[in-house]
Amino acid sequence: MTRDDRSVSSAAPVAGRRRGRGILVGLVGVLVALALVLDPVARGALSGGRAIDLGLLQLRLAYNTGVAFSLGAQLPTAVVLAVTAALTATIGVFAWRTAPDGSSIQILGLAAIVAGATANVIDRFLDGKVTDYFHTGWWPTFNLADTYITCGVVLVLGALLFESTSRDHVS
């Protein structure tokens, strides 16, 4: 093996690591931006109690001072913000460390989770509450960031199940 061969082979894992992390960061950035742009649009279009009926889904403005399902709504905003920011940072570090070795589906799922959590933390930081606008009538009102988190969890679990099933068939 020549010196040039060694430098090429050692550069490949670094390039893959950068690529996985680059995709993660890019997806998170785009998804966060989209969620944060939609929030003020929803506040403007749905203010004054207006609602838009889309059949199974209504667009109706609501605010959540707690976390999922309004848990912790009675806690001070600073506490909820600190806890959700710490959890978001922890998940972000996990996603960053996992991205180089993760499948495309797993990276997409982790990006969605991190983006949704980040968008909700930023929204809460701006005015102490999260803006929600998707209403079904049978489920608590939620927002695009919440949808990211839910879909991201499904993608990550699906990728992990598929990976473990594939590994079982190979053995």
N, C-alpha and C. Protein backbone atom coordinates (compact mmCIF):
# COMPACT_ATOMS: atom_id res chain seq x y z
N MET A 1 0.86 -1.17 0.00
CA MET A 1 0.00 0.00 0.00
C MET A 1 0.90 1.23 0.00
N THR A 2 0.67 2.12 -0.93
CA THR A 2 1.47 3.33 -1.01
C THR A 2 0.93 4.37 -0.07
N ARG A 3 1.72 5.40 0.09
CA ARG A 3 1.31 6.49 0.97
C ARG A 3 0.01 7.12 0.47
N ASP A 4 -0.12 7.28 -0.85
CA ASP A 4 -1.34 7.88 -1.42
C ASP A 4 -2.55 6.99 -1.18
N ASP A 5 -2.38 5.65 -1.24
CA ASP A 5 -3.49 4.73 -0.98
C ASP A 5 -3.99 4.87 0.45
N ARG A 6 -3.05 5.01 1.41
CA ARG A 6 -3.43 5.15 2.81
C ARG A 6 -4.19 6.45 3.05
N SER A 7 -3.78 7.52 2.41
CA SER A 7 -4.46 8.80 2.63
C SER A 7 -5.86 8.79 2.04
N VAL A 8 -6.07 8.10 0.92
CA VAL A 8 -7.39 8.00 0.32
C VAL A 8 -8.30 7.14 1.21
N SER A 9 -7.79 5.98 1.68
CA SER A 9 -8.63 5.10 2.48
C SER A 9 -8.97 5.71 3.83
N SER A 10 -8.09 6.50 4.42
CA SER A 10 -8.41 7.12 5.70
C SER A 10 -9.31 8.33 5.54
N ALA A 11 -9.35 8.90 4.34
CA ALA A 11 -10.22 10.06 4.10
C ALA A 11 -11.67 9.64 3.90
N ALA A 12 -11.92 8.41 3.46
CA ALA A 12 -13.29 7.97 3.17
C ALA A 12 -14.20 8.01 4.40
N PRO A 13 -13.78 7.47 5.57
CA PRO A 13 -14.67 7.56 6.74
C PRO A 13 -14.94 9.00 7.16
N VAL A 14 -13.95 9.86 7.04
CA VAL A 14 -14.14 11.27 7.41
C VAL A 14 -15.16 11.92 6.48
N ALA A 15 -15.07 11.63 5.19
CA ALA A 15 -16.02 12.20 4.23
C ALA A 15 -17.43 11.70 4.51
N GLY A 16 -17.57 10.40 4.83
CA GLY A 16 -18.89 9.85 5.16
C GLY A 16 -19.46 10.48 6.42
N ARG A 17 -18.61 10.70 7.39
CA ARG A 17 -19.04 11.33 8.66
C ARG A 17 -19.54 12.74 8.38
N ARG A 18 -18.79 13.48 7.58
CA ARG A 18 -19.19 14.85 7.25
C ARG A 18 -20.49 14.86 6.46
N ARG A 19 -20.62 13.91 5.53
CA ARG A 19 -21.82 13.86 4.69
C ARG A 19 -23.06 13.61 5.55
N GLY A 20 -23.00 12.60 6.44
CA GLY A 20 -24.15 12.29 7.30
C GLY A 20 -24.51 13.45 8.20
N ARG A 21 -23.51 14.08 8.76
CA ARG A 21 -23.76 15.23 9.63
C ARG A 21 -24.23 16.44 8.84
N GLY A 22 -23.69 16.60 7.64
CA GLY A 22 -24.12 17.72 6.79
C GLY A 22 -25.59 17.59 6.41
N ILE A 23 -25.99 16.38 6.07
CA ILE A 23 -27.40 16.14 5.73
C ILE A 23 -28.27 16.42 6.96
N LEU A 24 -27.85 15.94 8.12
CA LEU A 24 -28.59 16.17 9.36
C LEU A 24 -28.77 17.67 9.61
N VAL A 25 -27.68 18.41 9.58
CA VAL A 25 -27.73 19.85 9.88
C VAL A 25 -28.57 20.58 8.83
N GLY A 26 -28.40 20.23 7.56
CA GLY A 26 -29.18 20.88 6.50
C GLY A 26 -30.67 20.65 6.65
N LEU A 27 -31.05 19.40 6.92
CA LEU A 27 -32.47 19.08 7.11
C LEU A 27 -33.04 19.79 8.33
N VAL A 28 -32.30 19.79 9.42
CA VAL A 28 -32.77 20.47 10.63
C VAL A 28 -33.00 21.95 10.33
N GLY A 29 -32.05 22.58 9.66
CA GLY A 29 -32.18 24.00 9.34
C GLY A 29 -33.41 24.31 8.49
N VAL A 30 -33.63 23.53 7.45
CA VAL A 30 -34.78 23.75 6.57
C VAL A 30 -36.09 23.53 7.32
N LEU A 31 -36.17 22.43 8.08
CA LEU A 31 -37.41 22.12 8.79
C LEU A 31 -37.72 23.14 9.89
N VAL A 32 -36.71 23.57 10.62
CA VAL A 32 -36.93 24.60 11.65
C VAL A 32 -37.42 25.89 11.01
N ALA A 33 -36.77 26.30 9.93
CA ALA A 33 -37.17 27.53 9.25
C ALA A 33 -38.63 27.45 8.79
N LEU A 34 -39.01 26.34 8.20
CA LEU A 34 -40.38 26.18 7.72
C LEU A 34 -41.39 26.27 8.87
N ALA A 35 -41.10 25.60 9.97
CA ALA A 35 -42.02 25.63 11.12
C ALA A 35 -42.11 27.04 11.71
N LEU A 36 -40.98 27.73 11.81
CA LEU A 36 -40.99 29.07 12.40
C LEU A 36 -41.61 30.12 11.48
N VAL A 37 -41.58 29.89 10.18
CA VAL A 37 -42.25 30.80 9.24
C VAL A 37 -43.76 30.58 9.30
N LEU A 38 -44.17 29.35 9.47
CA LEU A 38 -45.60 29.03 9.49
C LEU A 38 -46.31 29.56 10.75
N ASP A 39 -45.61 29.61 11.89
CA ASP A 39 -46.23 30.06 13.14
C ASP A 39 -46.85 31.46 13.04
N PRO A 40 -46.10 32.48 12.61
CA PRO A 40 -46.73 33.81 12.53
C PRO A 40 -47.81 33.90 11.45
N VAL A 41 -47.67 33.10 10.40
CA VAL A 41 -48.72 33.06 9.37
C VAL A 41 -50.00 32.52 9.99
N ALA A 42 -49.89 31.46 10.76
CA ALA A 42 -51.07 30.89 11.43
C ALA A 42 -51.66 31.88 12.42
N ARG A 43 -50.80 32.55 13.21
CA ARG A 43 -51.31 33.54 14.17
C ARG A 43 -52.07 34.66 13.46
N GLY A 44 -51.56 35.11 12.35
CA GLY A 44 -52.23 36.18 11.60
C GLY A 44 -53.53 35.72 10.96
N ALA A 45 -53.50 34.56 10.33
CA ALA A 45 -54.68 34.08 9.61
C ALA A 45 -55.78 33.58 10.53
N LEU A 46 -55.42 33.15 11.73
CA LEU A 46 -56.40 32.52 12.61
C LEU A 46 -56.73 33.35 13.85
N SER A 47 -56.25 34.59 13.89
CA SER A 47 -56.52 35.44 15.06
C SER A 47 -58.01 35.78 15.15
N GLY A 48 -58.42 36.19 16.32
CA GLY A 48 -59.82 36.57 16.52
C GLY A 48 -60.77 35.40 16.52
N GLY A 49 -60.28 34.21 16.77
CA GLY A 49 -61.15 33.04 16.83
C GLY A 49 -61.52 32.44 15.49
N ARG A 50 -60.89 32.94 14.40
CA ARG A 50 -61.20 32.37 13.09
C ARG A 50 -60.70 30.94 13.00
N ALA A 51 -61.41 30.13 12.26
CA ALA A 51 -61.02 28.75 12.01
C ALA A 51 -61.25 28.44 10.54
N ILE A 52 -60.44 27.57 10.01
CA ILE A 52 -60.57 27.13 8.62
C ILE A 52 -60.83 25.63 8.65
N ASP A 53 -61.97 25.23 8.10
CA ASP A 53 -62.35 23.82 8.11
C ASP A 53 -61.81 23.14 6.85
N LEU A 54 -60.99 22.10 7.05
CA LEU A 54 -60.42 21.34 5.94
C LEU A 54 -60.93 19.90 5.94
N GLY A 55 -62.09 19.70 6.52
CA GLY A 55 -62.65 18.35 6.59
C GLY A 55 -62.24 17.68 7.89
N LEU A 56 -61.33 16.70 7.80
CA LEU A 56 -60.87 15.99 8.99
C LEU A 56 -60.00 16.86 9.88
N LEU A 57 -59.47 17.91 9.33
CA LEU A 57 -58.57 18.80 10.06
C LEU A 57 -59.08 20.23 9.99
N GLN A 58 -59.01 20.92 11.10
CA GLN A 58 -59.33 22.35 11.14
C GLN A 58 -58.07 23.11 11.49
N LEU A 59 -57.97 24.30 10.96
CA LEU A 59 -56.92 25.21 11.38
C LEU A 59 -57.55 26.15 12.40
N ARG A 60 -57.08 26.04 13.64
CA ARG A 60 -57.65 26.81 14.74
C ARG A 60 -56.50 27.16 15.69
N LEU A 61 -56.42 28.42 16.06
CA LEU A 61 -55.30 28.90 16.87
C LEU A 61 -55.45 28.51 18.34
N ALA A 62 -54.36 28.01 18.91
CA ALA A 62 -54.30 27.69 20.33
C ALA A 62 -52.87 27.89 20.80
N TYR A 63 -52.69 28.06 22.08
CA TYR A 63 -51.36 28.23 22.65
C TYR A 63 -51.16 27.21 23.75
N ASN A 64 -49.94 26.72 23.87
CA ASN A 64 -49.61 25.71 24.87
C ASN A 64 -48.43 26.21 25.70
N THR A 65 -48.66 26.44 26.98
CA THR A 65 -47.58 26.88 27.86
C THR A 65 -46.84 25.69 28.47
N GLY A 66 -47.40 24.49 28.32
CA GLY A 66 -46.73 23.29 28.82
C GLY A 66 -46.00 22.59 27.69
N VAL A 67 -45.81 21.30 27.87
CA VAL A 67 -45.19 20.50 26.82
C VAL A 67 -46.29 19.62 26.22
N ALA A 68 -45.95 18.44 25.73
CA ALA A 68 -46.94 17.59 25.09
C ALA A 68 -48.18 17.43 25.95
N PHE A 69 -49.34 17.59 25.33
CA PHE A 69 -50.64 17.46 26.00
C PHE A 69 -50.78 18.43 27.17
N SER A 70 -50.10 19.56 27.11
CA SER A 70 -50.12 20.63 28.11
C SER A 70 -49.56 20.20 29.47
N LEU A 71 -48.80 19.12 29.50
CA LEU A 71 -48.16 18.72 30.76
C LEU A 71 -47.20 19.81 31.21
N GLY A 72 -47.23 20.14 32.46
CA GLY A 72 -46.34 21.16 33.01
C GLY A 72 -46.78 22.58 32.75
N ALA A 73 -48.00 22.77 32.30
CA ALA A 73 -48.49 24.11 31.99
C ALA A 73 -48.51 25.02 33.21
N GLN A 74 -48.59 24.44 34.41
CA GLN A 74 -48.62 25.23 35.63
C GLN A 74 -47.22 25.64 36.09
N LEU A 75 -46.18 25.07 35.49
CA LEU A 75 -44.80 25.40 35.87
C LEU A 75 -44.39 26.76 35.31
N PRO A 76 -43.42 27.41 35.94
CA PRO A 76 -42.93 28.68 35.38
C PRO A 76 -42.33 28.46 33.98
N THR A 77 -42.52 29.43 33.12
CA THR A 77 -42.04 29.34 31.75
C THR A 77 -40.54 29.03 31.70
N ALA A 78 -39.77 29.65 32.59
CA ALA A 78 -38.32 29.44 32.59
C ALA A 78 -37.97 27.97 32.84
N VAL A 79 -38.72 27.31 33.69
CA VAL A 79 -38.47 25.90 33.98
C VAL A 79 -38.78 25.04 32.76
N VAL A 80 -39.94 25.26 32.15
CA VAL A 80 -40.32 24.50 30.97
C VAL A 80 -39.31 24.75 29.85
N LEU A 81 -38.92 25.99 29.67
CA LEU A 81 -37.95 26.33 28.63
C LEU A 81 -36.60 25.66 28.89
N ALA A 82 -36.12 25.70 30.13
CA ALA A 82 -34.83 25.11 30.46
C ALA A 82 -34.84 23.59 30.25
N VAL A 83 -35.91 22.94 30.69
CA VAL A 83 -35.99 21.48 30.56
C VAL A 83 -36.10 21.08 29.09
N THR A 84 -36.97 21.75 28.34
CA THR A 84 -37.12 21.39 26.92
C THR A 84 -35.86 21.72 26.13
N ALA A 85 -35.19 22.81 26.47
CA ALA A 85 -33.93 23.14 25.77
C ALA A 85 -32.86 22.11 26.08
N ALA A 86 -32.78 21.66 27.33
CA ALA A 86 -31.78 20.65 27.71
C ALA A 86 -32.07 19.32 27.01
N LEU A 87 -33.33 18.92 26.97
CA LEU A 87 -33.69 17.69 26.27
C LEU A 87 -33.40 17.80 24.77
N THR A 88 -33.71 18.95 24.19
CA THR A 88 -33.45 19.17 22.77
C THR A 88 -31.95 19.10 22.48
N ALA A 89 -31.14 19.72 23.33
CA ALA A 89 -29.69 19.68 23.15
C ALA A 89 -29.17 18.24 23.26
N THR A 90 -29.70 17.49 24.21
CA THR A 90 -29.28 16.10 24.39
C THR A 90 -29.62 15.27 23.15
N ILE A 91 -30.82 15.44 22.64
CA ILE A 91 -31.24 14.71 21.44
C ILE A 91 -30.39 15.16 20.24
N GLY A 92 -30.08 16.45 20.18
CA GLY A 92 -29.24 16.97 19.11
C GLY A 92 -27.85 16.37 19.13
N VAL A 93 -27.26 16.24 20.31
CA VAL A 93 -25.94 15.61 20.44
C VAL A 93 -26.01 14.14 20.03
N PHE A 94 -27.05 13.45 20.47
CA PHE A 94 -27.22 12.05 20.06
C PHE A 94 -27.33 11.95 18.54
N ALA A 95 -28.13 12.81 17.93
CA ALA A 95 -28.30 12.78 16.48
C ALA A 95 -26.97 13.07 15.77
N TRP A 96 -26.22 14.04 16.27
CA TRP A 96 -24.92 14.40 15.69
C TRP A 96 -23.96 13.20 15.75
N ARG A 97 -23.95 12.52 16.88
CA ARG A 97 -23.04 11.39 17.05
C ARG A 97 -23.49 10.17 16.26
N THR A 98 -24.79 10.02 16.05
CA THR A 98 -25.34 8.87 15.36
C THR A 98 -25.34 9.04 13.84
N ALA A 99 -25.43 10.26 13.36
CA ALA A 99 -25.59 10.52 11.93
C ALA A 99 -24.53 9.86 11.04
N PRO A 100 -23.26 9.85 11.40
CA PRO A 100 -22.28 9.24 10.49
C PRO A 100 -22.53 7.77 10.19
N ASP A 101 -23.11 7.04 11.12
CA ASP A 101 -23.32 5.61 10.94
C ASP A 101 -24.78 5.25 10.67
N GLY A 102 -25.66 6.24 10.67
CA GLY A 102 -27.08 5.97 10.50
C GLY A 102 -27.49 5.82 9.05
N SER A 103 -28.61 5.12 8.85
CA SER A 103 -29.18 5.02 7.51
C SER A 103 -29.82 6.35 7.13
N SER A 104 -30.15 6.51 5.88
CA SER A 104 -30.80 7.74 5.42
C SER A 104 -32.12 7.98 6.15
N ILE A 105 -32.89 6.91 6.34
CA ILE A 105 -34.18 7.04 7.04
C ILE A 105 -33.96 7.45 8.49
N GLN A 106 -32.97 6.86 9.13
CA GLN A 106 -32.68 7.21 10.52
C GLN A 106 -32.22 8.66 10.62
N ILE A 107 -31.39 9.11 9.71
CA ILE A 107 -30.93 10.51 9.72
C ILE A 107 -32.11 11.45 9.50
N LEU A 108 -32.99 11.11 8.56
CA LEU A 108 -34.19 11.93 8.31
C LEU A 108 -35.06 11.99 9.56
N GLY A 109 -35.26 10.85 10.22
CA GLY A 109 -36.07 10.82 11.44
C GLY A 109 -35.46 11.63 12.56
N LEU A 110 -34.16 11.48 12.76
CA LEU A 110 -33.48 12.26 13.81
C LEU A 110 -33.53 13.75 13.50
N ALA A 111 -33.36 14.10 12.23
CA ALA A 111 -33.44 15.51 11.83
C ALA A 111 -34.82 16.08 12.12
N ALA A 112 -35.86 15.29 11.84
CA ALA A 112 -37.23 15.75 12.10
C ALA A 112 -37.46 15.95 13.59
N ILE A 113 -36.97 15.01 14.42
CA ILE A 113 -37.14 15.14 15.87
C ILE A 113 -36.42 16.37 16.38
N VAL A 114 -35.16 16.53 15.99
CA VAL A 114 -34.37 17.68 16.45
C VAL A 114 -34.99 18.99 15.95
N ALA A 115 -35.43 19.01 14.71
CA ALA A 115 -36.04 20.22 14.15
C ALA A 115 -37.33 20.58 14.87
N GLY A 116 -38.18 19.61 15.11
CA GLY A 116 -39.43 19.88 15.80
C GLY A 116 -39.21 20.38 17.21
N ALA A 117 -38.31 19.72 17.92
CA ALA A 117 -38.01 20.15 19.29
C ALA A 117 -37.38 21.54 19.30
N THR A 118 -36.47 21.79 18.37
CA THR A 118 -35.81 23.10 18.31
C THR A 118 -36.81 24.20 17.97
N ALA A 119 -37.68 23.96 17.00
CA ALA A 119 -38.67 24.96 16.63
C ALA A 119 -39.59 25.28 17.80
N ASN A 120 -39.99 24.26 18.55
CA ASN A 120 -40.85 24.51 19.72
C ASN A 120 -40.11 25.26 20.81
N VAL A 121 -38.83 24.96 21.02
CA VAL A 121 -38.04 25.70 22.02
C VAL A 121 -37.92 27.16 21.61
N ILE A 122 -37.64 27.42 20.35
CA ILE A 122 -37.51 28.80 19.87
C ILE A 122 -38.85 29.53 20.00
N ASP A 123 -39.93 28.87 19.60
CA ASP A 123 -41.27 29.48 19.71
C ASP A 123 -41.58 29.82 21.17
N ARG A 124 -41.27 28.90 22.08
CA ARG A 124 -41.51 29.14 23.51
C ARG A 124 -40.62 30.26 24.03
N PHE A 125 -39.37 30.32 23.57
CA PHE A 125 -38.44 31.36 24.00
C PHE A 125 -38.95 32.74 23.60
N LEU A 126 -39.58 32.86 22.44
CA LEU A 126 -40.03 34.16 21.93
C LEU A 126 -41.16 34.77 22.74
N ASP A 127 -42.12 33.93 23.19
CA ASP A 127 -43.24 34.53 23.93
C ASP A 127 -43.79 33.65 25.07
N GLY A 128 -43.01 32.66 25.48
CA GLY A 128 -43.40 31.86 26.64
C GLY A 128 -44.41 30.77 26.38
N LYS A 129 -44.78 30.60 25.12
CA LYS A 129 -45.76 29.55 24.79
C LYS A 129 -45.52 29.08 23.35
N VAL A 130 -46.07 27.92 23.05
CA VAL A 130 -45.94 27.35 21.72
C VAL A 130 -47.26 27.59 20.98
N THR A 131 -47.15 28.03 19.74
CA THR A 131 -48.32 28.27 18.91
C THR A 131 -48.75 26.97 18.25
N ASP A 132 -50.00 26.59 18.47
CA ASP A 132 -50.57 25.38 17.85
C ASP A 132 -51.71 25.80 16.93
N TYR A 133 -51.96 25.03 15.87
CA TYR A 133 -52.98 25.44 14.90
C TYR A 133 -53.63 24.29 14.15
N PHE A 134 -53.16 23.07 14.27
CA PHE A 134 -53.83 21.92 13.65
C PHE A 134 -54.77 21.32 14.69
N HIS A 135 -56.05 21.25 14.35
CA HIS A 135 -57.06 20.77 15.30
C HIS A 135 -57.88 19.67 14.64
N THR A 136 -58.02 18.54 15.32
CA THR A 136 -58.80 17.43 14.77
C THR A 136 -60.14 17.27 15.46
N GLY A 137 -60.28 17.78 16.67
CA GLY A 137 -61.50 17.58 17.44
C GLY A 137 -61.41 16.38 18.36
N TRP A 138 -60.59 15.40 18.03
CA TRP A 138 -60.43 14.22 18.87
C TRP A 138 -59.02 14.10 19.43
N TRP A 139 -58.15 15.02 19.11
CA TRP A 139 -56.76 15.02 19.56
C TRP A 139 -56.39 16.44 19.96
N PRO A 140 -55.52 16.63 20.93
CA PRO A 140 -55.14 18.00 21.28
C PRO A 140 -54.57 18.75 20.07
N THR A 141 -54.81 20.04 20.04
CA THR A 141 -54.32 20.88 18.94
C THR A 141 -52.79 20.86 18.94
N PHE A 142 -52.20 20.81 17.73
CA PHE A 142 -50.75 20.67 17.60
C PHE A 142 -50.25 21.55 16.46
N ASN A 143 -48.95 21.55 16.23
CA ASN A 143 -48.37 22.39 15.18
C ASN A 143 -47.46 21.56 14.27
N LEU A 144 -46.84 22.20 13.30
CA LEU A 144 -45.97 21.52 12.36
C LEU A 144 -44.77 20.89 13.07
N ALA A 145 -44.21 21.58 14.04
CA ALA A 145 -43.07 21.05 14.78
C ALA A 145 -43.44 19.76 15.51
N ASP A 146 -44.64 19.70 16.07
CA ASP A 146 -45.11 18.47 16.72
C ASP A 146 -45.23 17.33 15.71
N THR A 147 -45.66 17.67 14.51
CA THR A 147 -45.76 16.68 13.45
C THR A 147 -44.38 16.14 13.08
N TYR A 148 -43.40 17.03 13.02
CA TYR A 148 -42.02 16.58 12.77
C TYR A 148 -41.58 15.56 13.82
N ILE A 149 -41.82 15.88 15.07
CA ILE A 149 -41.38 15.00 16.16
C ILE A 149 -42.03 13.62 16.03
N THR A 150 -43.33 13.61 15.82
CA THR A 150 -44.07 12.35 15.70
C THR A 150 -43.59 11.53 14.50
N CYS A 151 -43.50 12.17 13.35
CA CYS A 151 -43.04 11.46 12.15
C CYS A 151 -41.59 11.01 12.30
N GLY A 152 -40.77 11.83 12.95
CA GLY A 152 -39.37 11.47 13.18
C GLY A 152 -39.24 10.24 14.04
N VAL A 153 -40.04 10.16 15.10
CA VAL A 153 -40.01 8.98 15.97
C VAL A 153 -40.41 7.73 15.18
N VAL A 154 -41.46 7.85 14.36
CA VAL A 154 -41.90 6.71 13.55
C VAL A 154 -40.78 6.28 12.59
N LEU A 155 -40.12 7.24 11.95
CA LEU A 155 -39.04 6.91 11.02
C LEU A 155 -37.86 6.24 11.72
N VAL A 156 -37.46 6.78 12.87
CA VAL A 156 -36.32 6.19 13.60
C VAL A 156 -36.68 4.77 14.07
N LEU A 157 -37.86 4.60 14.64
CA LEU A 157 -38.26 3.26 15.08
C LEU A 157 -38.36 2.29 13.89
N GLY A 158 -38.91 2.76 12.79
CA GLY A 158 -38.99 1.93 11.59
C GLY A 158 -37.61 1.55 11.08
N ALA A 159 -36.69 2.50 11.05
CA ALA A 159 -35.32 2.21 10.60
C ALA A 159 -34.65 1.21 11.53
N LEU A 160 -34.84 1.37 12.83
CA LEU A 160 -34.23 0.43 13.79
C LEU A 160 -34.84 -0.97 13.66
N LEU A 161 -36.15 -1.05 13.49
CA LEU A 161 -36.80 -2.35 13.32
C LEU A 161 -36.35 -3.01 12.02
N PHE A 162 -36.29 -2.24 10.95
CA PHE A 162 -35.85 -2.78 9.66
C PHE A 162 -34.41 -3.26 9.75
N GLU A 163 -33.57 -2.47 10.42
CA GLU A 163 -32.16 -2.84 10.58
C GLU A 163 -32.02 -4.13 11.39
N SER A 164 -32.78 -4.25 12.47
CA SER A 164 -32.66 -5.46 13.30
C SER A 164 -33.25 -6.67 12.56
N THR A 165 -34.30 -6.49 11.79
CA THR A 165 -34.89 -7.57 11.01
C THR A 165 -33.93 -8.01 9.93
N SER A 166 -33.30 -7.05 9.26
CA SER A 166 -32.32 -7.38 8.21
C SER A 166 -31.14 -8.13 8.78
N ARG A 167 -30.68 -7.71 9.94
CA ARG A 167 -29.54 -8.36 10.60
C ARG A 167 -29.91 -9.78 11.01
N ASP A 168 -31.16 -10.01 11.46
CA ASP A 168 -31.60 -11.34 11.86
C ASP A 168 -31.63 -12.30 10.66
N HIS A 169 -32.01 -11.79 9.49
CA HIS A 169 -32.09 -12.64 8.29
C HIS A 169 -30.72 -12.97 7.76
N VAL A 170 -29.75 -12.11 7.98
CA VAL A 170 -28.39 -12.35 7.50
C VAL A 170 -27.70 -13.40 8.36
N SER A 171 -27.98 -13.42 9.65
CA SER A 171 -27.30 -14.34 10.57
C SER A 171 -27.64 -15.77 10.32
